């Protein structure tokens, strides 16, 4: 069923695969599970479990967002679960202190067992406020759904203000505006920022054809890359030129003093 879109609400993209927008907020009203999408659209949700909800999202909901660059990947659909939806699907409304510190519910939780039986996988972060449920990619096709659980502090007030307290339709509108101006949220605003850099400039690209005409994956110059990078040194290595105190000269004897002045502000 459809409802009129509130003023200023971004509608779904022109890509028919994602015609219902990038995300949906799942809520329960009078016993009926509903998905509040961007553009004022409200869908009936037939899913009776979390694995069934993931299947419905990927096969029927038509949620997602087109890739931001040529060699990039389409954004996975985002499903936001309200407290009523958590109760409906057998998840706790709030995490215990132990679960909150761990950042996830226990591996033995019944919902995780349901996912395992349905051959769905979780990332190493487990089933937490920003759980990602997936199956290994088959060729170029991805099967992945991103969950967001506001009552588990997914929408931290330091970054999202009072968004986590909004009604479902308004929350869908706010997150939809964010998705249209930045990208579909993937976690905290910091995590989403890193994901945005990767989406705009993917770590790999297709190489030029080799002698047999095949293309291979290669590093995309200027990207963050796909491999971990060593942290920057906390202090300058031996022989580093100090342009401030030592006026450009190499001074091993005064290096410790230079570092102390830079740290404490002395000698300015």
C-alpha atoms as a PDB file:
ATOM      1  CA  UNK A   1       0.000   0.000   0.000  1.00  0.00           C
ATOM      2  CA  UNK A   2       1.084   3.576  -0.552  1.00  0.00           C
ATOM      3  CA  UNK A   3       0.717   6.798   1.371  1.00  0.00           C
ATOM      4  CA  UNK A   4       1.365  10.358   0.302  1.00  0.00           C
ATOM      5  CA  UNK A   5       4.975  11.446   0.682  1.00  0.00           C
ATOM      6  CA  UNK A   6       5.661  14.198   3.229  1.00  0.00           C
ATOM      7  CA  UNK A   7       7.077  17.413   1.797  1.00  0.00           C
ATOM      8  CA  UNK A   8      10.794  17.291   1.146  1.00  0.00           C
ATOM      9  CA  UNK A   9      11.030  13.490   1.240  1.00  0.00           C
ATOM     10  CA  UNK A  10      13.412  12.063  -1.390  1.00  0.00           C
ATOM     11  CA  UNK A  11      11.758   9.484  -3.616  1.00  0.00           C
ATOM     12  CA  UNK A  12      13.379   6.255  -4.754  1.00  0.00           C
ATOM     13  CA  UNK A  13      15.921   6.345  -7.565  1.00  0.00           C
ATOM     14  CA  UNK A  14      15.165   5.696 -11.222  1.00  0.00           C
ATOM     15  CA  UNK A  15      16.907   2.304 -11.094  1.00  0.00           C
ATOM     16  CA  UNK A  16      14.011  -0.209 -11.168  1.00  0.00           C
ATOM     17  CA  UNK A  17      15.957  -2.549  -8.889  1.00  0.00           C
ATOM     18  CA  UNK A  18      15.768   0.036  -6.101  1.00  0.00           C
ATOM     19  CA  UNK A  19      12.514   1.786  -6.906  1.00  0.00           C
ATOM     20  CA  UNK A  20      11.425   1.786  -3.241  1.00  0.00           C
ATOM     21  CA  UNK A  21      14.493   3.655  -2.044  1.00  0.00           C
ATOM     22  CA  UNK A  22      17.644   2.749  -0.115  1.00  0.00           C
ATOM     23  CA  UNK A  23      16.103   1.714   3.206  1.00  0.00           C
ATOM     24  CA  UNK A  24      13.042   0.815   5.240  1.00  0.00           C
ATOM     25  CA  UNK A  25      12.060   1.169   8.897  1.00  0.00           C
ATOM     26  CA  UNK A  26      10.261  -1.955  10.118  1.00  0.00           C
ATOM     27  CA  UNK A  27       7.505  -1.452  12.694  1.00  0.00           C
ATOM     28  CA  UNK A  28       4.446  -3.317  13.965  1.00  0.00           C
ATOM     29  CA  UNK A  29       0.983  -1.735  14.110  1.00  0.00           C
ATOM     30  CA  UNK A  30      -2.121  -3.648  15.222  1.00  0.00           C
ATOM     31  CA  UNK A  31      -0.308  -6.913  14.689  1.00  0.00           C
ATOM     32  CA  UNK A  32       0.742  -6.093  11.117  1.00  0.00           C
ATOM     33  CA  UNK A  33       4.414  -5.698  10.223  1.00  0.00           C
ATOM     34  CA  UNK A  34       4.994  -2.628   8.042  1.00  0.00           C
ATOM     35  CA  UNK A  35       8.017  -1.254   6.212  1.00  0.00           C
ATOM     36  CA  UNK A  36       8.226   2.551   6.091  1.00  0.00           C
ATOM     37  CA  UNK A  37      10.301   3.543   3.073  1.00  0.00           C
ATOM     38  CA  UNK A  38      11.465   6.878   1.723  1.00  0.00           C
ATOM     39  CA  UNK A  39       9.017   8.848  -0.364  1.00  0.00           C
ATOM     40  CA  UNK A  40       6.126   8.066   2.000  1.00  0.00           C
ATOM     41  CA  UNK A  41       5.791   4.484   0.802  1.00  0.00           C
ATOM     42  CA  UNK A  42       4.551   1.855   3.281  1.00  0.00           C
ATOM     43  CA  UNK A  43       4.830  -1.855   2.455  1.00  0.00           C
ATOM     44  CA  UNK A  44       3.253  -4.899   4.093  1.00  0.00           C
ATOM     45  CA  UNK A  45       5.917  -7.296   5.352  1.00  0.00           C
ATOM     46  CA  UNK A  46       4.975 -10.992   5.298  1.00  0.00           C
ATOM     47  CA  UNK A  47       8.189 -12.209   6.963  1.00  0.00           C
ATOM     48  CA  UNK A  48       7.754 -14.130  10.222  1.00  0.00           C
ATOM     49  CA  UNK A  49      11.437 -14.326  11.196  1.00  0.00           C
ATOM     50  CA  UNK A  50      14.707 -12.467  10.689  1.00  0.00           C
ATOM     51  CA  UNK A  51      15.935 -14.910   7.982  1.00  0.00           C
ATOM     52  CA  UNK A  52      12.600 -14.489   6.177  1.00  0.00           C
ATOM     53  CA  UNK A  53      12.891 -10.704   6.534  1.00  0.00           C
ATOM     54  CA  UNK A  54      16.332 -10.793   4.903  1.00  0.00           C
ATOM     55  CA  UNK A  55      14.964 -12.918   2.045  1.00  0.00           C
ATOM     56  CA  UNK A  56      12.009 -10.567   1.565  1.00  0.00           C
ATOM     57  CA  UNK A  57      14.305  -7.527   1.560  1.00  0.00           C
ATOM     58  CA  UNK A  58      16.516  -8.933  -1.190  1.00  0.00           C
ATOM     59  CA  UNK A  59      13.852 -10.573  -3.348  1.00  0.00           C
ATOM     60  CA  UNK A  60      10.744  -8.421  -3.069  1.00  0.00           C
ATOM     61  CA  UNK A  61      11.328  -5.108  -1.310  1.00  0.00           C
ATOM     62  CA  UNK A  62      13.311  -3.485  -4.151  1.00  0.00           C
ATOM     63  CA  UNK A  63      15.528  -1.603  -1.717  1.00  0.00           C
ATOM     64  CA  UNK A  64      19.086  -0.427  -2.280  1.00  0.00           C
ATOM     65  CA  UNK A  65      21.114   2.315  -3.896  1.00  0.00           C
ATOM     66  CA  UNK A  66      23.100   2.350  -7.163  1.00  0.00           C
ATOM     67  CA  UNK A  67      26.877   2.445  -6.973  1.00  0.00           C
ATOM     68  CA  UNK A  68      28.559   5.831  -6.778  1.00  0.00           C
ATOM     69  CA  UNK A  69      31.396   5.085  -9.214  1.00  0.00           C
ATOM     70  CA  UNK A  70      32.120   2.835 -12.178  1.00  0.00           C
ATOM     71  CA  UNK A  71      34.139   0.063 -10.507  1.00  0.00           C
ATOM     72  CA  UNK A  72      32.176   0.341  -7.243  1.00  0.00           C
ATOM     73  CA  UNK A  73      29.356  -1.779  -5.814  1.00  0.00           C
ATOM     74  CA  UNK A  74      25.671  -1.081  -5.258  1.00  0.00           C
ATOM     75  CA  UNK A  75      24.805  -0.159  -1.684  1.00  0.00           C
ATOM     76  CA  UNK A  76      23.212  -2.924   0.353  1.00  0.00           C
ATOM     77  CA  UNK A  77      19.636  -2.273   1.541  1.00  0.00           C
ATOM     78  CA  UNK A  78      19.307  -0.915   5.072  1.00  0.00           C
ATOM     79  CA  UNK A  79      16.632  -2.297   7.409  1.00  0.00           C
ATOM     80  CA  UNK A  80      15.928  -0.395  10.632  1.00  0.00           C
ATOM     81  CA  UNK A  81      14.177  -2.345  13.394  1.00  0.00           C
ATOM     82  CA  UNK A  82      11.994  -0.520  15.905  1.00  0.00           C
ATOM     83  CA  UNK A  83      11.399  -1.846  19.416  1.00  0.00           C
ATOM     84  CA  UNK A  84       8.079  -3.354  18.323  1.00  0.00           C
ATOM     85  CA  UNK A  85       9.823  -5.115  15.432  1.00  0.00           C
ATOM     86  CA  UNK A  86      12.510  -6.470  17.763  1.00  0.00           C
ATOM     87  CA  UNK A  87       9.852  -8.012  19.989  1.00  0.00           C
ATOM     88  CA  UNK A  88       8.052  -9.444  16.959  1.00  0.00           C
ATOM     89  CA  UNK A  89      11.201 -11.176  15.687  1.00  0.00           C
ATOM     90  CA  UNK A  90      12.420 -12.467  19.044  1.00  0.00           C
ATOM     91  CA  UNK A  91      15.228  -9.988  19.661  1.00  0.00           C
ATOM     92  CA  UNK A  92      15.825  -8.080  22.911  1.00  0.00           C
ATOM     93  CA  UNK A  93      14.603  -4.499  22.988  1.00  0.00           C
ATOM     94  CA  UNK A  94      17.764  -3.459  24.854  1.00  0.00           C
ATOM     95  CA  UNK A  95      21.168  -5.046  25.359  1.00  0.00           C
ATOM     96  CA  UNK A  96      22.401  -6.137  28.768  1.00  0.00           C
ATOM     97  CA  UNK A  97      25.523  -4.462  30.133  1.00  0.00           C
ATOM     98  CA  UNK A  98      27.577  -7.489  29.102  1.00  0.00           C
ATOM     99  CA  UNK A  99      26.112  -7.501  25.580  1.00  0.00           C
ATOM    100  CA  UNK A 100      26.583  -3.767  25.254  1.00  0.00           C
ATOM    101  CA  UNK A 101      30.268  -4.051  26.167  1.00  0.00           C
ATOM    102  CA  UNK A 102      30.680  -6.956  23.741  1.00  0.00           C
ATOM    103  CA  UNK A 103      28.810  -5.008  21.054  1.00  0.00           C
ATOM    104  CA  UNK A 104      26.611  -7.988  20.140  1.00  0.00           C
ATOM    105  CA  UNK A 105      24.184 -10.603  21.385  1.00  0.00           C
ATOM    106  CA  UNK A 106      25.579 -14.076  22.259  1.00  0.00           C
ATOM    107  CA  UNK A 107      26.340 -16.543  19.495  1.00  0.00           C
ATOM    108  CA  UNK A 108      23.873 -18.972  21.039  1.00  0.00           C
ATOM    109  CA  UNK A 109      20.881 -16.630  20.662  1.00  0.00           C
ATOM    110  CA  UNK A 110      17.923 -18.254  18.922  1.00  0.00           C
ATOM    111  CA  UNK A 111      17.838 -15.660  16.126  1.00  0.00           C
ATOM    112  CA  UNK A 112      21.481 -16.344  15.260  1.00  0.00           C
ATOM    113  CA  UNK A 113      20.704 -20.063  15.198  1.00  0.00           C
ATOM    114  CA  UNK A 114      17.834 -19.326  12.787  1.00  0.00           C
ATOM    115  CA  UNK A 115      20.242 -17.473  10.508  1.00  0.00           C
ATOM    116  CA  UNK A 116      22.750 -20.326  10.606  1.00  0.00           C
ATOM    117  CA  UNK A 117      20.067 -22.873   9.701  1.00  0.00           C
ATOM    118  CA  UNK A 118      19.022 -20.666   6.769  1.00  0.00           C
ATOM    119  CA  UNK A 119      22.696 -20.502   5.670  1.00  0.00           C
ATOM    120  CA  UNK A 120      23.073 -16.792   6.331  1.00  0.00           C
ATOM    121  CA  UNK A 121      26.322 -15.456   7.773  1.00  0.00           C
ATOM    122  CA  UNK A 122      27.282 -12.550  10.034  1.00  0.00           C
ATOM    123  CA  UNK A 123      30.449 -10.485   9.787  1.00  0.00           C
ATOM    124  CA  UNK A 124      33.063 -10.727  12.548  1.00  0.00           C
ATOM    125  CA  UNK A 125      31.240  -7.961  14.427  1.00  0.00           C
ATOM    126  CA  UNK A 126      28.411 -10.420  15.056  1.00  0.00           C
ATOM    127  CA  UNK A 127      24.771  -9.480  15.619  1.00  0.00           C
ATOM    128  CA  UNK A 128      25.086  -5.997  17.067  1.00  0.00           C
ATOM    129  CA  UNK A 129      23.578  -2.528  16.543  1.00  0.00           C
ATOM    130  CA  UNK A 130      24.795  -2.472  12.913  1.00  0.00           C
ATOM    131  CA  UNK A 131      24.639  -6.173  12.021  1.00  0.00           C
ATOM    132  CA  UNK A 132      25.411  -7.184   8.452  1.00  0.00           C
ATOM    133  CA  UNK A 133      23.801 -10.410   7.225  1.00  0.00           C
ATOM    134  CA  UNK A 134      25.068 -11.956   3.996  1.00  0.00           C
ATOM    135  CA  UNK A 135      25.774 -14.970   1.861  1.00  0.00           C
ATOM    136  CA  UNK A 136      29.058 -15.282  -0.085  1.00  0.00           C
ATOM    137  CA  UNK A 137      28.819 -13.468  -3.423  1.00  0.00           C
ATOM    138  CA  UNK A 138      27.982 -15.522  -6.491  1.00  0.00           C
ATOM    139  CA  UNK A 139      29.951 -13.893  -9.274  1.00  0.00           C
ATOM    140  CA  UNK A 140      29.147 -10.178  -9.293  1.00  0.00           C
ATOM    141  CA  UNK A 141      25.862 -10.543  -7.393  1.00  0.00           C
ATOM    142  CA  UNK A 142      25.805  -9.662  -3.706  1.00  0.00           C
ATOM    143  CA  UNK A 143      23.315 -10.954  -1.140  1.00  0.00           C
ATOM    144  CA  UNK A 144      23.705  -8.710   1.886  1.00  0.00           C
ATOM    145  CA  UNK A 145      21.408  -6.714   4.157  1.00  0.00           C
ATOM    146  CA  UNK A 146      22.531  -4.088   6.668  1.00  0.00           C
ATOM    147  CA  UNK A 147      20.527  -3.875   9.900  1.00  0.00           C
ATOM    148  CA  UNK A 148      20.258  -0.838  12.147  1.00  0.00           C
ATOM    149  CA  UNK A 149      18.834  -1.165  15.679  1.00  0.00           C
ATOM    150  CA  UNK A 150      18.296   2.253  17.294  1.00  0.00           C
ATOM    151  CA  UNK A 151      17.345   0.902  20.736  1.00  0.00           C
ATOM    152  CA  UNK A 152      20.775  -0.799  20.850  1.00  0.00           C
ATOM    153  CA  UNK A 153      22.326   2.664  20.424  1.00  0.00           C
ATOM    154  CA  UNK A 154      22.992   2.310  16.696  1.00  0.00           C
ATOM    155  CA  UNK A 155      22.022   5.956  16.216  1.00  0.00           C
ATOM    156  CA  UNK A 156      24.311   7.492  18.822  1.00  0.00           C
ATOM    157  CA  UNK A 157      22.969  10.866  19.944  1.00  0.00           C
ATOM    158  CA  UNK A 158      26.459  12.375  19.597  1.00  0.00           C
ATOM    159  CA  UNK A 159      26.218  11.924  15.833  1.00  0.00           C
ATOM    160  CA  UNK A 160      22.527  11.451  15.016  1.00  0.00           C
ATOM    161  CA  UNK A 161      20.882  13.730  17.568  1.00  0.00           C
ATOM    162  CA  UNK A 162      17.388  12.514  18.473  1.00  0.00           C
ATOM    163  CA  UNK A 163      16.887  10.493  15.288  1.00  0.00           C
ATOM    164  CA  UNK A 164      16.578   7.251  17.246  1.00  0.00           C
ATOM    165  CA  UNK A 165      13.466   8.582  19.012  1.00  0.00           C
ATOM    166  CA  UNK A 166      11.588   9.552  15.858  1.00  0.00           C
ATOM    167  CA  UNK A 167       8.412   7.774  14.671  1.00  0.00           C
ATOM    168  CA  UNK A 168       9.034   5.203  11.891  1.00  0.00           C
ATOM    169  CA  UNK A 169       7.873   7.352   8.976  1.00  0.00           C
ATOM    170  CA  UNK A 170       9.907  10.364  10.120  1.00  0.00           C
ATOM    171  CA  UNK A 171      12.982   8.229  10.805  1.00  0.00           C
ATOM    172  CA  UNK A 172      12.736   6.795   7.284  1.00  0.00           C
ATOM    173  CA  UNK A 173      12.566  10.342   5.917  1.00  0.00           C
ATOM    174  CA  UNK A 174      15.611  11.540   7.910  1.00  0.00           C
ATOM    175  CA  UNK A 175      17.759   8.534   6.999  1.00  0.00           C
ATOM    176  CA  UNK A 176      16.546   8.817   3.410  1.00  0.00           C
ATOM    177  CA  UNK A 177      17.743  12.427   3.230  1.00  0.00           C
ATOM    178  CA  UNK A 178      21.122  11.327   4.614  1.00  0.00           C
ATOM    179  CA  UNK A 179      21.308   8.534   2.036  1.00  0.00           C
ATOM    180  CA  UNK A 180      20.499  10.925  -0.814  1.00  0.00           C
ATOM    181  CA  UNK A 181      23.080  13.501   0.276  1.00  0.00           C
ATOM    182  CA  UNK A 182      25.846  11.194   1.515  1.00  0.00           C
ATOM    183  CA  UNK A 183      25.140   7.453   1.143  1.00  0.00           C
ATOM    184  CA  UNK A 184      23.107   4.744   2.828  1.00  0.00           C
ATOM    185  CA  UNK A 185      24.331   4.621   6.458  1.00  0.00           C
ATOM    186  CA  UNK A 186      26.624   1.679   7.197  1.00  0.00           C
ATOM    187  CA  UNK A 187      27.333   2.355  10.873  1.00  0.00           C
ATOM    188  CA  UNK A 188      28.448   5.397  12.809  1.00  0.00           C
ATOM    189  CA  UNK A 189      28.999   8.601  10.867  1.00  0.00           C
ATOM    190  CA  UNK A 190      32.751   7.868  10.999  1.00  0.00           C
ATOM    191  CA  UNK A 191      32.294   4.384   9.533  1.00  0.00           C
ATOM    192  CA  UNK A 192      29.952   5.746   6.880  1.00  0.00           C
ATOM    193  CA  UNK A 193      32.556   8.385   5.982  1.00  0.00           C
ATOM    194  CA  UNK A 194      35.160   5.695   5.339  1.00  0.00           C
ATOM    195  CA  UNK A 195      32.630   3.682   3.344  1.00  0.00           C
ATOM    196  CA  UNK A 196      31.875   6.780   1.289  1.00  0.00           C
ATOM    197  CA  UNK A 197      35.556   7.212   0.380  1.00  0.00           C
ATOM    198  CA  UNK A 198      35.687   3.556  -0.650  1.00  0.00           C
ATOM    199  CA  UNK A 199      32.459   3.853  -2.659  1.00  0.00           C
ATOM    200  CA  UNK A 200      33.691   6.925  -4.513  1.00  0.00           C
ATOM    201  CA  UNK A 201      37.182   5.531  -5.100  1.00  0.00           C
ATOM    202  CA  UNK A 202      37.125   1.715  -4.830  1.00  0.00           C
ATOM    203  CA  UNK A 203      40.339  -0.059  -3.774  1.00  0.00           C
ATOM    204  CA  UNK A 204      40.564  -2.125  -6.967  1.00  0.00           C
ATOM    205  CA  UNK A 205      39.748  -1.744 -10.637  1.00  0.00           C
ATOM    206  CA  UNK A 206      39.846  -3.888 -13.766  1.00  0.00           C
ATOM    207  CA  UNK A 207      43.239  -3.978 -15.449  1.00  0.00           C
ATOM    208  CA  UNK A 208      43.908  -3.590 -19.133  1.00  0.00           C
ATOM    209  CA  UNK A 209      43.391  -6.839 -21.078  1.00  0.00           C
ATOM    210  CA  UNK A 210      46.362  -9.197 -20.961  1.00  0.00           C
ATOM    211  CA  UNK A 211      47.688 -11.194 -23.918  1.00  0.00           C
ATOM    212  CA  UNK A 212      44.741 -13.573 -23.745  1.00  0.00           C
ATOM    213  CA  UNK A 213      42.243 -10.698 -23.543  1.00  0.00           C
ATOM    214  CA  UNK A 214      41.382 -11.245 -19.873  1.00  0.00           C
ATOM    215  CA  UNK A 215      41.149  -8.466 -17.319  1.00  0.00           C
ATOM    216  CA  UNK A 216      42.365  -8.822 -13.734  1.00  0.00           C
ATOM    217  CA  UNK A 217      41.769  -6.968 -10.504  1.00  0.00           C
ATOM    218  CA  UNK A 218      44.478  -4.418  -9.732  1.00  0.00           C
ATOM    219  CA  UNK A 219      45.088  -1.657  -7.196  1.00  0.00           C
ATOM    220  CA  UNK A 220      43.220   1.554  -7.913  1.00  0.00           C
ATOM    221  CA  UNK A 221      45.792   4.370  -7.521  1.00  0.00           C
ATOM    222  CA  UNK A 222      44.806   6.990  -4.981  1.00  0.00           C
ATOM    223  CA  UNK A 223      42.321   4.754  -3.153  1.00  0.00           C
ATOM    224  CA  UNK A 224      42.498   3.605   0.461  1.00  0.00           C
ATOM    225  CA  UNK A 225      43.490   0.172  -0.831  1.00  0.00           C
ATOM    226  CA  UNK A 226      42.303  -3.214   0.371  1.00  0.00           C
ATOM    227  CA  UNK A 227      45.225  -4.118   2.645  1.00  0.00           C
ATOM    228  CA  UNK A 228      45.986  -2.734   6.135  1.00  0.00           C
ATOM    229  CA  UNK A 229      48.437   0.154   6.284  1.00  0.00           C
ATOM    230  CA  UNK A 230      51.015   0.677   9.028  1.00  0.00           C
ATOM    231  CA  UNK A 231      50.205   3.499  11.422  1.00  0.00           C
ATOM    232  CA  UNK A 232      52.197   6.719  11.147  1.00  0.00           C
ATOM    233  CA  UNK A 233      55.133   7.049  13.546  1.00  0.00           C
ATOM    234  CA  UNK A 234      54.276   8.656  16.855  1.00  0.00           C
ATOM    235  CA  UNK A 235      57.622  10.526  16.883  1.00  0.00           C
ATOM    236  CA  UNK A 236      60.015  11.593  14.117  1.00  0.00           C
ATOM    237  CA  UNK A 237      62.714   9.038  13.250  1.00  0.00           C
ATOM    238  CA  UNK A 238      66.378   9.759  13.891  1.00  0.00           C
ATOM    239  CA  UNK A 239      67.752  12.484  11.649  1.00  0.00           C
ATOM    240  CA  UNK A 240      64.426  14.175  10.957  1.00  0.00           C
ATOM    241  CA  UNK A 241      64.756  17.875  10.259  1.00  0.00           C
ATOM    242  CA  UNK A 242      62.984  20.108  12.756  1.00  0.00           C
ATOM    243  CA  UNK A 243      61.832  23.296  11.052  1.00  0.00           C
ATOM    244  CA  UNK A 244      60.718  25.021  14.257  1.00  0.00           C
ATOM    245  CA  UNK A 245      63.180  24.882  17.143  1.00  0.00           C
ATOM    246  CA  UNK A 246      66.272  23.719  15.263  1.00  0.00           C
ATOM    247  CA  UNK A 247      65.602  25.986  12.283  1.00  0.00           C
ATOM    248  CA  UNK A 248      66.043  23.268   9.676  1.00  0.00           C
ATOM    249  CA  UNK A 249      69.212  21.735  11.082  1.00  0.00           C
ATOM    250  CA  UNK A 250      69.569  18.068  12.041  1.00  0.00           C
ATOM    251  CA  UNK A 251      70.091  17.977  15.793  1.00  0.00           C
ATOM    252  CA  UNK A 252      70.005  14.585  17.526  1.00  0.00           C
ATOM    253  CA  UNK A 253      70.944  16.114  20.880  1.00  0.00           C
ATOM    254  CA  UNK A 254      67.966  18.507  20.917  1.00  0.00           C
ATOM    255  CA  UNK A 255      65.349  16.188  19.367  1.00  0.00           C
ATOM    256  CA  UNK A 256      63.910  15.209  22.770  1.00  0.00           C
ATOM    257  CA  UNK A 257      63.591  18.844  23.720  1.00  0.00           C
ATOM    258  CA  UNK A 258      61.890  19.622  20.410  1.00  0.00           C
ATOM    259  CA  UNK A 259      59.379  16.869  20.974  1.00  0.00           C
ATOM    260  CA  UNK A 260      58.678  18.112  24.499  1.00  0.00           C
ATOM    261  CA  UNK A 261      58.076  21.645  23.266  1.00  0.00           C
ATOM    262  CA  UNK A 262      55.689  20.423  20.557  1.00  0.00           C
ATOM    263  CA  UNK A 263      53.758  18.328  23.101  1.00  0.00           C
ATOM    264  CA  UNK A 264      53.508  20.769  26.028  1.00  0.00           C
ATOM    265  CA  UNK A 265      53.593  24.056  24.169  1.00  0.00           C
ATOM    266  CA  UNK A 266      56.768  25.222  25.950  1.00  0.00           C
ATOM    267  CA  UNK A 267      59.286  27.356  24.175  1.00  0.00           C
ATOM    268  CA  UNK A 268      56.705  29.027  21.929  1.00  0.00           C
END
